[in-house]
PDB file of N, CA and C in Angstrom:
ATOM      1  N   MET A   1      -3.737 -33.659  15.853  1.00  0.00           N
ATOM      2  CA  MET A   1      -2.977 -32.834  14.923  1.00  0.00           C
ATOM      3  C   MET A   1      -3.194 -31.362  15.272  1.00  0.00           C
ATOM      4  N   PRO A   2      -2.116 -30.605  15.497  1.00  0.00           N
ATOM      5  CA  PRO A   2      -2.290 -29.202  15.880  1.00  0.00           C
ATOM      6  C   PRO A   2      -2.835 -28.373  14.719  1.00  0.00           C
ATOM      7  N   THR A   3      -3.658 -27.394  15.064  1.00  0.00           N
ATOM      8  CA  THR A   3      -4.202 -26.504  14.035  1.00  0.00           C
ATOM      9  C   THR A   3      -3.229 -25.361  13.804  1.00  0.00           C
ATOM     10  N   LYS A   4      -3.171 -24.925  12.571  1.00  0.00           N
ATOM     11  CA  LYS A   4      -2.274 -23.822  12.217  1.00  0.00           C
ATOM     12  C   LYS A   4      -2.967 -22.503  12.530  1.00  0.00           C
ATOM     13  N   ILE A   5      -2.281 -21.664  13.278  1.00  0.00           N
ATOM     14  CA  ILE A   5      -2.843 -20.367  13.647  1.00  0.00           C
ATOM     15  C   ILE A   5      -2.233 -19.312  12.729  1.00  0.00           C
ATOM     16  N   ASN A   6      -3.117 -18.545  12.092  1.00  0.00           N
ATOM     17  CA  ASN A   6      -2.641 -17.449  11.243  1.00  0.00           C
ATOM     18  C   ASN A   6      -2.365 -16.231  12.109  1.00  0.00           C
ATOM     19  N   ILE A   7      -1.123 -15.862  12.208  1.00  0.00           N
ATOM     20  CA  ILE A   7      -0.743 -14.672  12.967  1.00  0.00           C
ATOM     21  C   ILE A   7      -0.796 -13.482  12.020  1.00  0.00           C
ATOM     22  N   MET A   8      -1.516 -12.473  12.445  1.00  0.00           N
ATOM     23  CA  MET A   8      -1.641 -11.272  11.629  1.00  0.00           C
ATOM     24  C   MET A   8      -0.466 -10.343  11.922  1.00  0.00           C
ATOM     25  N   ASN A   9       0.292 -10.033  10.905  1.00  0.00           N
ATOM     26  CA  ASN A   9       1.382  -9.071  11.011  1.00  0.00           C
ATOM     27  C   ASN A   9       0.893  -7.732  10.491  1.00  0.00           C
ATOM     28  N   GLN A  10       1.549  -6.676  10.923  1.00  0.00           N
ATOM     29  CA  GLN A  10       1.226  -5.335  10.444  1.00  0.00           C
ATOM     30  C   GLN A  10       2.202  -4.974   9.325  1.00  0.00           C
ATOM     31  N   TYR A  11       1.658  -4.480   8.220  1.00  0.00           N
ATOM     32  CA  TYR A  11       2.476  -4.107   7.066  1.00  0.00           C
ATOM     33  C   TYR A  11       2.112  -2.706   6.607  1.00  0.00           C
ATOM     34  N   GLU A  12       3.031  -2.138   5.853  1.00  0.00           N
ATOM     35  CA  GLU A  12       2.807  -0.849   5.212  1.00  0.00           C
ATOM     36  C   GLU A  12       3.305  -0.976   3.778  1.00  0.00           C
ATOM     37  N   THR A  13       2.496  -0.557   2.841  1.00  0.00           N
ATOM     38  CA  THR A  13       2.883  -0.593   1.435  1.00  0.00           C
ATOM     39  C   THR A  13       2.712   0.794   0.838  1.00  0.00           C
ATOM     40  N   VAL A  14       3.741   1.255   0.164  1.00  0.00           N
ATOM     41  CA  VAL A  14       3.662   2.498  -0.607  1.00  0.00           C
ATOM     42  C   VAL A  14       3.850   2.105  -2.060  1.00  0.00           C
ATOM     43  N   PHE A  15       2.982   2.622  -2.925  1.00  0.00           N
ATOM     44  CA  PHE A  15       3.170   2.361  -4.349  1.00  0.00           C
ATOM     45  C   PHE A  15       2.940   3.628  -5.154  1.00  0.00           C
ATOM     46  N   ILE A  16       3.578   3.666  -6.314  1.00  0.00           N
ATOM     47  CA  ILE A  16       3.510   4.832  -7.197  1.00  0.00           C
ATOM     48  C   ILE A  16       2.822   4.400  -8.482  1.00  0.00           C
ATOM     49  N   LEU A  17       1.757   5.118  -8.823  1.00  0.00           N
ATOM     50  CA  LEU A  17       1.012   4.832 -10.043  1.00  0.00           C
ATOM     51  C   LEU A  17       1.402   5.818 -11.138  1.00  0.00           C
ATOM     52  N   ASN A  18       1.263   5.386 -12.365  1.00  0.00           N
ATOM     53  CA  ASN A  18       1.592   6.175 -13.547  1.00  0.00           C
ATOM     54  C   ASN A  18       0.855   7.522 -13.523  1.00  0.00           C
ATOM     55  N   PRO A  19       1.534   8.637 -13.815  1.00  0.00           N
ATOM     56  CA  PRO A  19       0.899   9.957 -13.742  1.00  0.00           C
ATOM     57  C   PRO A  19      -0.100  10.253 -14.857  1.00  0.00           C
ATOM     58  N   VAL A  20      -0.139   9.437 -15.912  1.00  0.00           N
ATOM     59  CA  VAL A  20      -1.073   9.702 -17.015  1.00  0.00           C
ATOM     60  C   VAL A  20      -2.469   9.144 -16.734  1.00  0.00           C
ATOM     61  N   LEU A  21      -2.637   8.456 -15.608  1.00  0.00           N
ATOM     62  CA  LEU A  21      -3.938   7.881 -15.267  1.00  0.00           C
ATOM     63  C   LEU A  21      -4.929   8.967 -14.861  1.00  0.00           C
ATOM     64  N   SER A  22      -6.204   8.721 -15.150  1.00  0.00           N
ATOM     65  CA  SER A  22      -7.251   9.636 -14.689  1.00  0.00           C
ATOM     66  C   SER A  22      -7.544   9.342 -13.223  1.00  0.00           C
ATOM     67  N   GLU A  23      -8.284  10.224 -12.587  1.00  0.00           N
ATOM     68  CA  GLU A  23      -8.657  10.033 -11.173  1.00  0.00           C
ATOM     69  C   GLU A  23      -9.419   8.720 -10.989  1.00  0.00           C
ATOM     70  N   THR A  24     -10.305   8.405 -11.925  1.00  0.00           N
ATOM     71  CA  THR A  24     -11.081   7.160 -11.860  1.00  0.00           C
ATOM     72  C   THR A  24     -10.172   5.940 -11.971  1.00  0.00           C
ATOM     73  N   GLN A  25      -9.199   5.981 -12.865  1.00  0.00           N
ATOM     74  CA  GLN A  25      -8.276   4.858 -13.037  1.00  0.00           C
ATOM     75  C   GLN A  25      -7.416   4.657 -11.790  1.00  0.00           C
ATOM     76  N   VAL A  26      -7.014   5.752 -11.149  1.00  0.00           N
ATOM     77  CA  VAL A  26      -6.232   5.659  -9.905  1.00  0.00           C
ATOM     78  C   VAL A  26      -7.083   4.989  -8.833  1.00  0.00           C
ATOM     79  N   GLU A  27      -8.344   5.425  -8.683  1.00  0.00           N
ATOM     80  CA  GLU A  27      -9.244   4.845  -7.685  1.00  0.00           C
ATOM     81  C   GLU A  27      -9.471   3.360  -7.942  1.00  0.00           C
ATOM     82  N   GLU A  28      -9.620   2.988  -9.218  1.00  0.00           N
ATOM     83  CA  GLU A  28      -9.806   1.572  -9.568  1.00  0.00           C
ATOM     84  C   GLU A  28      -8.587   0.746  -9.181  1.00  0.00           C
ATOM     85  N   ALA A  29      -7.399   1.266  -9.446  1.00  0.00           N
ATOM     86  CA  ALA A  29      -6.164   0.551  -9.114  1.00  0.00           C
ATOM     87  C   ALA A  29      -6.036   0.385  -7.603  1.00  0.00           C
ATOM     88  N   VAL A  30      -6.305   1.442  -6.854  1.00  0.00           N
ATOM     89  CA  VAL A  30      -6.219   1.383  -5.398  1.00  0.00           C
ATOM     90  C   VAL A  30      -7.223   0.366  -4.858  1.00  0.00           C
ATOM     91  N   GLN A  31      -8.443   0.407  -5.373  1.00  0.00           N
ATOM     92  CA  GLN A  31      -9.476  -0.532  -4.915  1.00  0.00           C
ATOM     93  C   GLN A  31      -9.090  -1.972  -5.222  1.00  0.00           C
ATOM     94  N   LYS A  32      -8.443  -2.192  -6.355  1.00  0.00           N
ATOM     95  CA  LYS A  32      -7.988  -3.533  -6.725  1.00  0.00           C
ATOM     96  C   LYS A  32      -7.032  -4.089  -5.665  1.00  0.00           C
ATOM     97  N   PHE A  33      -6.097  -3.258  -5.202  1.00  0.00           N
ATOM     98  CA  PHE A  33      -5.126  -3.724  -4.212  1.00  0.00           C
ATOM     99  C   PHE A  33      -5.763  -3.896  -2.833  1.00  0.00           C
ATOM    100  N   ILE A  34      -6.746  -3.064  -2.505  1.00  0.00           N
ATOM    101  CA  ILE A  34      -7.493  -3.249  -1.257  1.00  0.00           C
ATOM    102  C   ILE A  34      -8.208  -4.601  -1.294  1.00  0.00           C
ATOM    103  N   ASP A  35      -8.834  -4.898  -2.428  1.00  0.00           N
ATOM    104  CA  ASP A  35      -9.564  -6.164  -2.580  1.00  0.00           C
ATOM    105  C   ASP A  35      -8.632  -7.367  -2.461  1.00  0.00           C
ATOM    106  N   ILE A  36      -7.417  -7.249  -2.985  1.00  0.00           N
ATOM    107  CA  ILE A  36      -6.451  -8.352  -2.893  1.00  0.00           C
ATOM    108  C   ILE A  36      -6.083  -8.601  -1.431  1.00  0.00           C
ATOM    109  N   VAL A  37      -5.842  -7.539  -0.672  1.00  0.00           N
ATOM    110  CA  VAL A  37      -5.511  -7.683   0.753  1.00  0.00           C
ATOM    111  C   VAL A  37      -6.671  -8.359   1.482  1.00  0.00           C
ATOM    112  N   LYS A  38      -7.894  -7.899   1.210  1.00  0.00           N
ATOM    113  CA  LYS A  38      -9.068  -8.476   1.879  1.00  0.00           C
ATOM    114  C   LYS A  38      -9.295  -9.926   1.466  1.00  0.00           C
ATOM    115  N   ALA A  39      -9.026 -10.253   0.210  1.00  0.00           N
ATOM    116  CA  ALA A  39      -9.189 -11.628  -0.269  1.00  0.00           C
ATOM    117  C   ALA A  39      -8.198 -12.573   0.407  1.00  0.00           C
ATOM    118  N   GLN A  40      -7.076 -12.036   0.861  1.00  0.00           N
ATOM    119  CA  GLN A  40      -6.055 -12.831   1.547  1.00  0.00           C
ATOM    120  C   GLN A  40      -6.270 -12.815   3.062  1.00  0.00           C
ATOM    121  N   LYS A  41      -7.498 -12.498   3.499  1.00  0.00           N
ATOM    122  CA  LYS A  41      -7.881 -12.466   4.921  1.00  0.00           C
ATOM    123  C   LYS A  41      -7.169 -11.358   5.695  1.00  0.00           C
ATOM    124  N   GLY A  42      -6.854 -10.268   5.006  1.00  0.00           N
ATOM    125  CA  GLY A  42      -6.234  -9.121   5.652  1.00  0.00           C
ATOM    126  C   GLY A  42      -7.254  -8.019   5.873  1.00  0.00           C
ATOM    127  N   SER A  43      -6.865  -7.012   6.618  1.00  0.00           N
ATOM    128  CA  SER A  43      -7.753  -5.868   6.832  1.00  0.00           C
ATOM    129  C   SER A  43      -6.935  -4.581   6.728  1.00  0.00           C
ATOM    130  N   ILE A  44      -7.508  -3.599   6.070  1.00  0.00           N
ATOM    131  CA  ILE A  44      -6.853  -2.305   5.884  1.00  0.00           C
ATOM    132  C   ILE A  44      -7.005  -1.500   7.180  1.00  0.00           C
ATOM    133  N   THR A  45      -5.894  -1.090   7.751  1.00  0.00           N
ATOM    134  CA  THR A  45      -5.896  -0.282   8.970  1.00  0.00           C
ATOM    135  C   THR A  45      -6.047   1.193   8.613  1.00  0.00           C
ATOM    136  N   SER A  46      -5.314   1.600   7.591  1.00  0.00           N
ATOM    137  CA  SER A  46      -5.288   3.008   7.211  1.00  0.00           C
ATOM    138  C   SER A  46      -4.854   3.101   5.755  1.00  0.00           C
ATOM    139  N   GLN A  47      -5.320   4.119   5.084  1.00  0.00           N
ATOM    140  CA  GLN A  47      -4.823   4.373   3.732  1.00  0.00           C
ATOM    141  C   GLN A  47      -4.737   5.871   3.522  1.00  0.00           C
ATOM    142  N   GLU A  48      -3.717   6.278   2.786  1.00  0.00           N
ATOM    143  CA  GLU A  48      -3.489   7.692   2.513  1.00  0.00           C
ATOM    144  C   GLU A  48      -3.197   7.871   1.032  1.00  0.00           C
ATOM    145  N   ASN A  49      -3.850   8.852   0.456  1.00  0.00           N
ATOM    146  CA  ASN A  49      -3.578   9.224  -0.928  1.00  0.00           C
ATOM    147  C   ASN A  49      -2.708  10.471  -0.869  1.00  0.00           C
ATOM    148  N   TRP A  50      -1.452  10.321  -1.256  1.00  0.00           N
ATOM    149  CA  TRP A  50      -0.529  11.446  -1.189  1.00  0.00           C
ATOM    150  C   TRP A  50      -0.594  12.305  -2.446  1.00  0.00           C
ATOM    151  N   GLY A  51      -1.331  11.860  -3.450  1.00  0.00           N
ATOM    152  CA  GLY A  51      -1.522  12.646  -4.656  1.00  0.00           C
ATOM    153  C   GLY A  51      -0.339  12.574  -5.614  1.00  0.00           C
ATOM    154  N   LEU A  52      -0.355  13.473  -6.593  1.00  0.00           N
ATOM    155  CA  LEU A  52       0.680  13.524  -7.619  1.00  0.00           C
ATOM    156  C   LEU A  52       1.913  14.207  -7.044  1.00  0.00           C
ATOM    157  N   LYS A  53       3.039  13.514  -7.057  1.00  0.00           N
ATOM    158  CA  LYS A  53       4.290  14.050  -6.512  1.00  0.00           C
ATOM    159  C   LYS A  53       5.403  13.902  -7.543  1.00  0.00           C
ATOM    160  N   LYS A  54       6.359  14.805  -7.451  1.00  0.00           N
ATOM    161  CA  LYS A  54       7.544  14.747  -8.304  1.00  0.00           C
ATOM    162  C   LYS A  54       8.442  13.621  -7.810  1.00  0.00           C
ATOM    163  N   LEU A  55       8.975  12.834  -8.740  1.00  0.00           N
ATOM    164  CA  LEU A  55       9.866  11.731  -8.392  1.00  0.00           C
ATOM    165  C   LEU A  55      11.291  12.244  -8.193  1.00  0.00           C
ATOM    166  N   ALA A  56      12.061  11.544  -7.385  1.00  0.00           N
ATOM    167  CA  ALA A  56      13.459  11.908  -7.153  1.00  0.00           C
ATOM    168  C   ALA A  56      14.289  11.696  -8.422  1.00  0.00           C
ATOM    169  N   TYR A  57      13.896  10.706  -9.216  1.00  0.00           N
ATOM    170  CA  TYR A  57      14.567  10.425 -10.490  1.00  0.00           C
ATOM    171  C   TYR A  57      13.519   9.869 -11.453  1.00  0.00           C
ATOM    172  N   PRO A  58      13.717  10.045 -12.765  1.00  0.00           N
ATOM    173  CA  PRO A  58      12.714   9.567 -13.723  1.00  0.00           C
ATOM    174  C   PRO A  58      12.572   8.037 -13.681  1.00  0.00           C
ATOM    175  N   ILE A  59      11.336   7.575 -13.759  1.00  0.00           N
ATOM    176  CA  ILE A  59      11.016   6.152 -13.874  1.00  0.00           C
ATOM    177  C   ILE A  59      10.177   6.013 -15.137  1.00  0.00           C
ATOM    178  N   GLU A  60      10.614   5.157 -16.050  1.00  0.00           N
ATOM    179  CA  GLU A  60       9.906   4.954 -17.319  1.00  0.00           C
ATOM    180  C   GLU A  60       9.682   6.295 -18.034  1.00  0.00           C
ATOM    181  N   ASN A  61      10.678   7.166 -18.000  1.00  0.00           N
ATOM    182  CA  ASN A  61      10.637   8.509 -18.593  1.00  0.00           C
ATOM    183  C   ASN A  61       9.548   9.397 -18.001  1.00  0.00           C
ATOM    184  N   LYS A  62       9.061   9.081 -16.812  1.00  0.00           N
ATOM    185  CA  LYS A  62       8.054   9.907 -16.122  1.00  0.00           C
ATOM    186  C   LYS A  62       8.751  10.621 -14.971  1.00  0.00           C
ATOM    187  N   LYS A  63       8.370  11.892 -14.765  1.00  0.00           N
ATOM    188  CA  LYS A  63       8.992  12.680 -13.704  1.00  0.00           C
ATOM    189  C   LYS A  63       8.113  12.819 -12.470  1.00  0.00           C
ATOM    190  N   SER A  64       6.876  12.284 -12.531  1.00  0.00           N
ATOM    191  CA  SER A  64       5.965  12.352 -11.384  1.00  0.00           C
ATOM    192  C   SER A  64       5.120  11.080 -11.335  1.00  0.00           C
ATOM    193  N   GLY A  65       4.383  10.917 -10.236  1.00  0.00           N
ATOM    194  CA  GLY A  65       3.531   9.744 -10.087  1.00  0.00           C
ATOM    195  C   GLY A  65       2.556   9.943  -8.943  1.00  0.00           C
ATOM    196  N   PHE A  66       1.476   9.152  -8.943  1.00  0.00           N
ATOM    197  CA  PHE A  66       0.485   9.184  -7.867  1.00  0.00           C
ATOM    198  C   PHE A  66       0.939   8.246  -6.759  1.00  0.00           C
ATOM    199  N   TYR A  67       1.198   8.807  -5.590  1.00  0.00           N
ATOM    200  CA  TYR A  67       1.642   8.016  -4.440  1.00  0.00           C
ATOM    201  C   TYR A  67       0.439   7.605  -3.604  1.00  0.00           C
ATOM    202  N   HIS A  68       0.480   6.373  -3.111  1.00  0.00           N
ATOM    203  CA  HIS A  68      -0.581   5.883  -2.228  1.00  0.00           C
ATOM    204  C   HIS A  68       0.040   4.995  -1.156  1.00  0.00           C
ATOM    205  N   LEU A  69      -0.469   5.090   0.066  1.00  0.00           N
ATOM    206  CA  LEU A  69       0.050   4.309   1.184  1.00  0.00           C
ATOM    207  C   LEU A  69      -1.086   3.508   1.815  1.00  0.00           C
ATOM    208  N   PHE A  70      -0.813   2.236   2.107  1.00  0.00           N
ATOM    209  CA  PHE A  70      -1.738   1.364   2.850  1.00  0.00           C
ATOM    210  C   PHE A  70      -1.040   0.914   4.107  1.00  0.00           C
ATOM    211  N   GLU A  71      -1.766   0.864   5.189  1.00  0.00           N
ATOM    212  CA  GLU A  71      -1.338   0.113   6.364  1.00  0.00           C
ATOM    213  C   GLU A  71      -2.358  -0.993   6.501  1.00  0.00           C
ATOM    214  N   PHE A  72      -1.878  -2.217   6.713  1.00  0.00           N
ATOM    215  CA  PHE A  72      -2.828  -3.315   6.824  1.00  0.00           C
ATOM    216  C   PHE A  72      -2.291  -4.428   7.704  1.00  0.00           C
ATOM    217  N   ALA A  73      -3.229  -5.221   8.217  1.00  0.00           N
ATOM    218  CA  ALA A  73      -2.901  -6.409   9.002  1.00  0.00           C
ATOM    219  C   ALA A  73      -3.236  -7.603   8.127  1.00  0.00           C
ATOM    220  N   ALA A  74      -2.300  -8.535   8.019  1.00  0.00           N
ATOM    221  CA  ALA A  74      -2.515  -9.711   7.177  1.00  0.00           C
ATOM    222  C   ALA A  74      -1.556 -10.815   7.580  1.00  0.00           C
ATOM    223  N   PRO A  75      -1.919 -12.070   7.287  1.00  0.00           N
ATOM    224  CA  PRO A  75      -0.948 -13.156   7.509  1.00  0.00           C
ATOM    225  C   PRO A  75       0.191 -13.014   6.503  1.00  0.00           C
ATOM    226  N   HIS A  76       1.359 -13.529   6.836  1.00  0.00           N
ATOM    227  CA  HIS A  76       2.511 -13.329   5.940  1.00  0.00           C
ATOM    228  C   HIS A  76       2.305 -13.965   4.569  1.00  0.00           C
ATOM    229  N   GLU A  77       1.409 -14.945   4.463  1.00  0.00           N
ATOM    230  CA  GLU A  77       1.134 -15.576   3.163  1.00  0.00           C
ATOM    231  C   GLU A  77       0.452 -14.610   2.192  1.00  0.00           C
ATOM    232  N   ALA A  78      -0.106 -13.520   2.690  1.00  0.00           N
ATOM    233  CA  ALA A  78      -0.845 -12.573   1.847  1.00  0.00           C
ATOM    234  C   ALA A  78       0.073 -11.662   1.046  1.00  0.00           C
ATOM    235  N   ILE A  79       1.327 -11.540   1.438  1.00  0.00           N
ATOM    236  CA  ILE A  79       2.221 -10.565   0.804  1.00  0.00           C
ATOM    237  C   ILE A  79       2.608 -10.981  -0.609  1.00  0.00           C
ATOM    238  N   ASN A  80       2.910 -12.263  -0.798  1.00  0.00           N
ATOM    239  CA  ASN A  80       3.347 -12.728  -2.112  1.00  0.00           C
ATOM    240  C   ASN A  80       2.294 -12.464  -3.207  1.00  0.00           C
ATOM    241  N   PRO A  81       1.013 -12.846  -3.026  1.00  0.00           N
ATOM    242  CA  PRO A  81       0.024 -12.544  -4.080  1.00  0.00           C
ATOM    243  C   PRO A  81      -0.125 -11.046  -4.343  1.00  0.00           C
ATOM    244  N   LEU A  82      -0.019 -10.236  -3.280  1.00  0.00           N
ATOM    245  CA  LEU A  82      -0.131  -8.787  -3.443  1.00  0.00           C
ATOM    246  C   LEU A  82       1.020  -8.255  -4.293  1.00  0.00           C
ATOM    247  N   GLU A  83       2.243  -8.677  -3.970  1.00  0.00           N
ATOM    248  CA  GLU A  83       3.403  -8.178  -4.714  1.00  0.00           C
ATOM    249  C   GLU A  83       3.447  -8.717  -6.143  1.00  0.00           C
ATOM    250  N   ILE A  84       2.962  -9.920  -6.364  1.00  0.00           N
ATOM    251  CA  ILE A  84       2.866 -10.440  -7.737  1.00  0.00           C
ATOM    252  C   ILE A  84       1.945  -9.545  -8.554  1.00  0.00           C
ATOM    253  N   GLU A  85       0.841  -9.139  -7.951  1.00  0.00           N
ATOM    254  CA  GLU A  85      -0.102  -8.272  -8.663  1.00  0.00           C
ATOM    255  C   GLU A  85       0.485  -6.891  -8.911  1.00  0.00           C
ATOM    256  N   PHE A  86       1.290  -6.366  -7.972  1.00  0.00           N
ATOM    257  CA  PHE A  86       1.981  -5.097  -8.209  1.00  0.00           C
ATOM    258  C   PHE A  86       2.899  -5.226  -9.427  1.00  0.00           C
ATOM    259  N   ARG A  87       3.603  -6.346  -9.540  1.00  0.00           N
ATOM    260  CA  ARG A  87       4.523  -6.544 -10.674  1.00  0.00           C
ATOM    261  C   ARG A  87       3.771  -6.679 -11.997  1.00  0.00           C
ATOM    262  N   ARG A  88       2.617  -7.300 -11.969  1.00  0.00           N
ATOM    263  CA  ARG A  88       1.846  -7.535 -13.196  1.00  0.00           C
ATOM    264  C   ARG A  88       1.138  -6.291 -13.710  1.00  0.00           C
ATOM    265  N   ASP A  89       0.738  -5.422 -12.810  1.00  0.00           N
ATOM    266  CA  ASP A  89      -0.077  -4.258 -13.177  1.00  0.00           C
ATOM    267  C   ASP A  89       0.799  -3.178 -13.812  1.00  0.00           C
ATOM    268  N   GLU A  90       0.527  -2.857 -15.059  1.00  0.00           N
ATOM    269  CA  GLU A  90       1.349  -1.875 -15.775  1.00  0.00           C
ATOM    270  C   GLU A  90       1.147  -0.454 -15.258  1.00  0.00           C
ATOM    271  N   ARG A  91       0.107  -0.218 -14.468  1.00  0.00           N
ATOM    272  CA  ARG A  91      -0.124   1.121 -13.898  1.00  0.00           C
ATOM    273  C   ARG A  91       0.834   1.421 -12.751  1.00  0.00           C
ATOM    274  N   VAL A  92       1.394   0.371 -12.130  1.00  0.00           N
ATOM    275  CA  VAL A  92       2.282   0.541 -10.975  1.00  0.00           C
ATOM    276  C   VAL A  92       3.723   0.719 -11.459  1.00  0.00           C
ATOM    277  N   MET A  93       4.334   1.836 -11.068  1.00  0.00           N
ATOM    278  CA  MET A  93       5.718   2.097 -11.469  1.00  0.00           C
ATOM    279  C   MET A  93       6.703   1.561 -10.427  1.00  0.00           C
ATOM    280  N   ARG A  94       6.379   1.704  -9.143  1.00  0.00           N
ATOM    281  CA  ARG A  94       7.218   1.196  -8.049  1.00  0.00           C
ATOM    282  C   ARG A  94       6.316   0.848  -6.869  1.00  0.00           C
ATOM    283  N   TYR A  95       6.798  -0.048  -6.009  1.00  0.00           N
ATOM    284  CA  TYR A  95       6.085  -0.376  -4.780  1.00  0.00           C
ATOM    285  C   TYR A  95       7.096  -0.849  -3.743  1.00  0.00           C
ATOM    286  N   LEU A  96       6.710  -0.742  -2.479  1.00  0.00           N
ATOM    287  CA  LEU A  96       7.543  -1.242  -1.394  1.00  0.00           C
ATOM    288  C   LEU A  96       6.626  -1.651  -0.247  1.00  0.00           C
ATOM    289  N   THR A  97       6.773  -2.882   0.205  1.00  0.00           N
ATOM    290  CA  THR A  97       6.017  -3.381   1.351  1.00  0.00           C
ATOM    291  C   THR A  97       6.994  -3.686   2.466  1.00  0.00           C
ATOM    292  N   VAL A  98       6.705  -3.182   3.659  1.00  0.00           N
ATOM    293  CA  VAL A  98       7.546  -3.452   4.818  1.00  0.00           C
ATOM    294  C   VAL A  98       6.686  -3.961   5.961  1.00  0.00           C
ATOM    295  N   LYS A  99       7.262  -4.864   6.755  1.00  0.00           N
ATOM    296  CA  LYS A  99       6.606  -5.347   7.964  1.00  0.00           C
ATOM    297  C   LYS A  99       6.932  -4.355   9.076  1.00  0.00           C
ATOM    298  N   LEU A 100       5.911  -3.920   9.799  1.00  0.00           N
ATOM    299  CA  LEU A 100       6.108  -2.916  10.836  1.00  0.00           C
ATOM    300  C   LEU A 100       6.435  -3.569  12.172  1.00  0.00           C
ATOM    301  N   ASP A 101       7.480  -3.070  12.829  1.00  0.00           N
ATOM    302  CA  ASP A 101       7.794  -3.524  14.185  1.00  0.00           C
ATOM    303  C   ASP A 101       7.088  -2.584  15.170  1.00  0.00           C
ATOM    304  N   LYS A 102       7.302  -2.775  16.459  1.00  0.00           N
ATOM    305  CA  LYS A 102       6.570  -1.979  17.450  1.00  0.00           C
ATOM    306  C   LYS A 102       6.904  -0.491  17.353  1.00  0.00           C
ATOM    307  N   HIS A 103       8.140  -0.151  17.000  1.00  0.00           N
ATOM    308  CA  HIS A 103       8.523   1.255  16.881  1.00  0.00           C
ATOM    309  C   HIS A 103       7.862   1.897  15.661  1.00  0.00           C
ATOM    310  N   ALA A 104       7.822   1.160  14.563  1.00  0.00           N
ATOM    311  CA  ALA A 104       7.184   1.671  13.349  1.00  0.00           C
ATOM    312  C   ALA A 104       5.679   1.806  13.554  1.00  0.00           C
ATOM    313  N   LEU A 105       5.076   0.879  14.297  1.00  0.00           N
ATOM    314  CA  LEU A 105       3.637   0.965  14.590  1.00  0.00           C
ATOM    315  C   LEU A 105       3.329   2.224  15.399  1.00  0.00           C
ATOM    316  N   ALA A 106       4.169   2.516  16.386  1.00  0.00           N
ATOM    317  CA  ALA A 106       3.979   3.719  17.203  1.00  0.00           C
ATOM    318  C   ALA A 106       4.109   4.973  16.343  1.00  0.00           C
ATOM    319  N   TRP A 107       5.083   4.980  15.447  1.00  0.00           N
ATOM    320  CA  TRP A 107       5.284   6.137  14.573  1.00  0.00           C
ATOM    321  C   TRP A 107       4.096   6.295  13.615  1.00  0.00           C
ATOM    322  N   ALA A 108       3.596   5.173  13.071  1.00  0.00           N
ATOM    323  CA  ALA A 108       2.460   5.214  12.143  1.00  0.00           C
ATOM    324  C   ALA A 108       1.213   5.750  12.854  1.00  0.00           C
ATOM    325  N   GLU A 109       1.006   5.336  14.092  1.00  0.00           N
ATOM    326  CA  GLU A 109      -0.129   5.821  14.882  1.00  0.00           C
ATOM    327  C   GLU A 109      -0.027   7.329  15.088  1.00  0.00           C
ATOM    328  N   LYS A 110       1.169   7.800  15.399  1.00  0.00           N
ATOM    329  CA  LYS A 110       1.422   9.229  15.592  1.00  0.00           C
ATOM    330  C   LYS A 110       1.142   9.999  14.296  1.00  0.00           C
ATOM    331  N   ARG A 111       1.578   9.445  13.152  1.00  0.00           N
ATOM    332  CA  ARG A 111       1.351  10.083  11.856  1.00  0.00           C
ATOM    333  C   ARG A 111      -0.145  10.164  11.539  1.00  0.00           C
ATOM    334  N   ARG A 112      -0.890   9.083  11.838  1.00  0.00           N
ATOM    335  CA  ARG A 112      -2.339   9.088  11.582  1.00  0.00           C
ATOM    336  C   ARG A 112      -3.030  10.155  12.418  1.00  0.00           C
ATOM    337  N   LYS A 113      -2.647  10.271  13.697  1.00  0.00           N
ATOM    338  CA  LYS A 113      -3.252  11.280  14.561  1.00  0.00           C
ATOM    339  C   LYS A 113      -2.942  12.694  14.067  1.00  0.00           C
ATOM    340  N   ARG A 114      -1.697  12.891  13.614  1.00  0.00           N
ATOM    341  CA  ARG A 114      -1.293  14.199  13.092  1.00  0.00           C
ATOM    342  C   ARG A 114      -2.105  14.541  11.830  1.00  0.00           C
ATOM    343  N   ASN A 115      -2.303  13.556  10.951  1.00  0.00           N
ATOM    344  CA  ASN A 115      -3.069  13.789   9.731  1.00  0.00           C
ATOM    345  C   ASN A 115      -4.532  14.064  10.024  1.00  0.00           C
ATOM    346  N   LYS A 116      -5.095  13.394  11.053  1.00  0.00           N
ATOM    347  CA  LYS A 116      -6.488  13.664  11.432  1.00  0.00           C
ATOM    348  C   LYS A 116      -6.630  15.076  11.972  1.00  0.00           C
ATOM    349  N   ALA A 117      -5.632  15.522  12.740  1.00  0.00           N
ATOM    350  CA  ALA A 117      -5.667  16.872  13.304  1.00  0.00           C
ATOM    351  C   ALA A 117      -5.620  17.930  12.194  1.00  0.00           C
ATOM    352  N   LYS A 118      -4.881  17.646  11.114  1.00  0.00           N
ATOM    353  CA  LYS A 118      -4.797  18.577   9.976  1.00  0.00           C
ATOM    354  C   LYS A 118      -6.112  18.645   9.235  1.00  0.00           C
ATOM    355  N   ALA A 119      -6.827  17.516   9.152  1.00  0.00           N
ATOM    356  CA  ALA A 119      -8.067  17.439   8.361  1.00  0.00           C
ATOM    357  C   ALA A 119      -9.255  18.080   9.032  1.00  0.00           C
TER     358      ALA A 119
END
């Protein structure tokens, strides 16, 4: 019987947290999603805290939100539990997960290097 091989795909998730949260609550929410990725046998490649930003349009009568970005490697089975948790968590206003192709991976690498140079 052949064994099933888990192929790790590269993903990027951006999510927006409610602006009324304290810094500690934002960190707790971010850590929760990191833990979910790791529990699904994934690994975080990169994460960026973009801070409080103005929204293009109001969401839930809020005009701003805390943006956060994760890049991670995980089997495709890991995405569903992560997105279910995004939907359940009332702190999350919006989220988007995309699978990165080779061009997006190259662009993400370039962005990480640029951000390191700024820091």
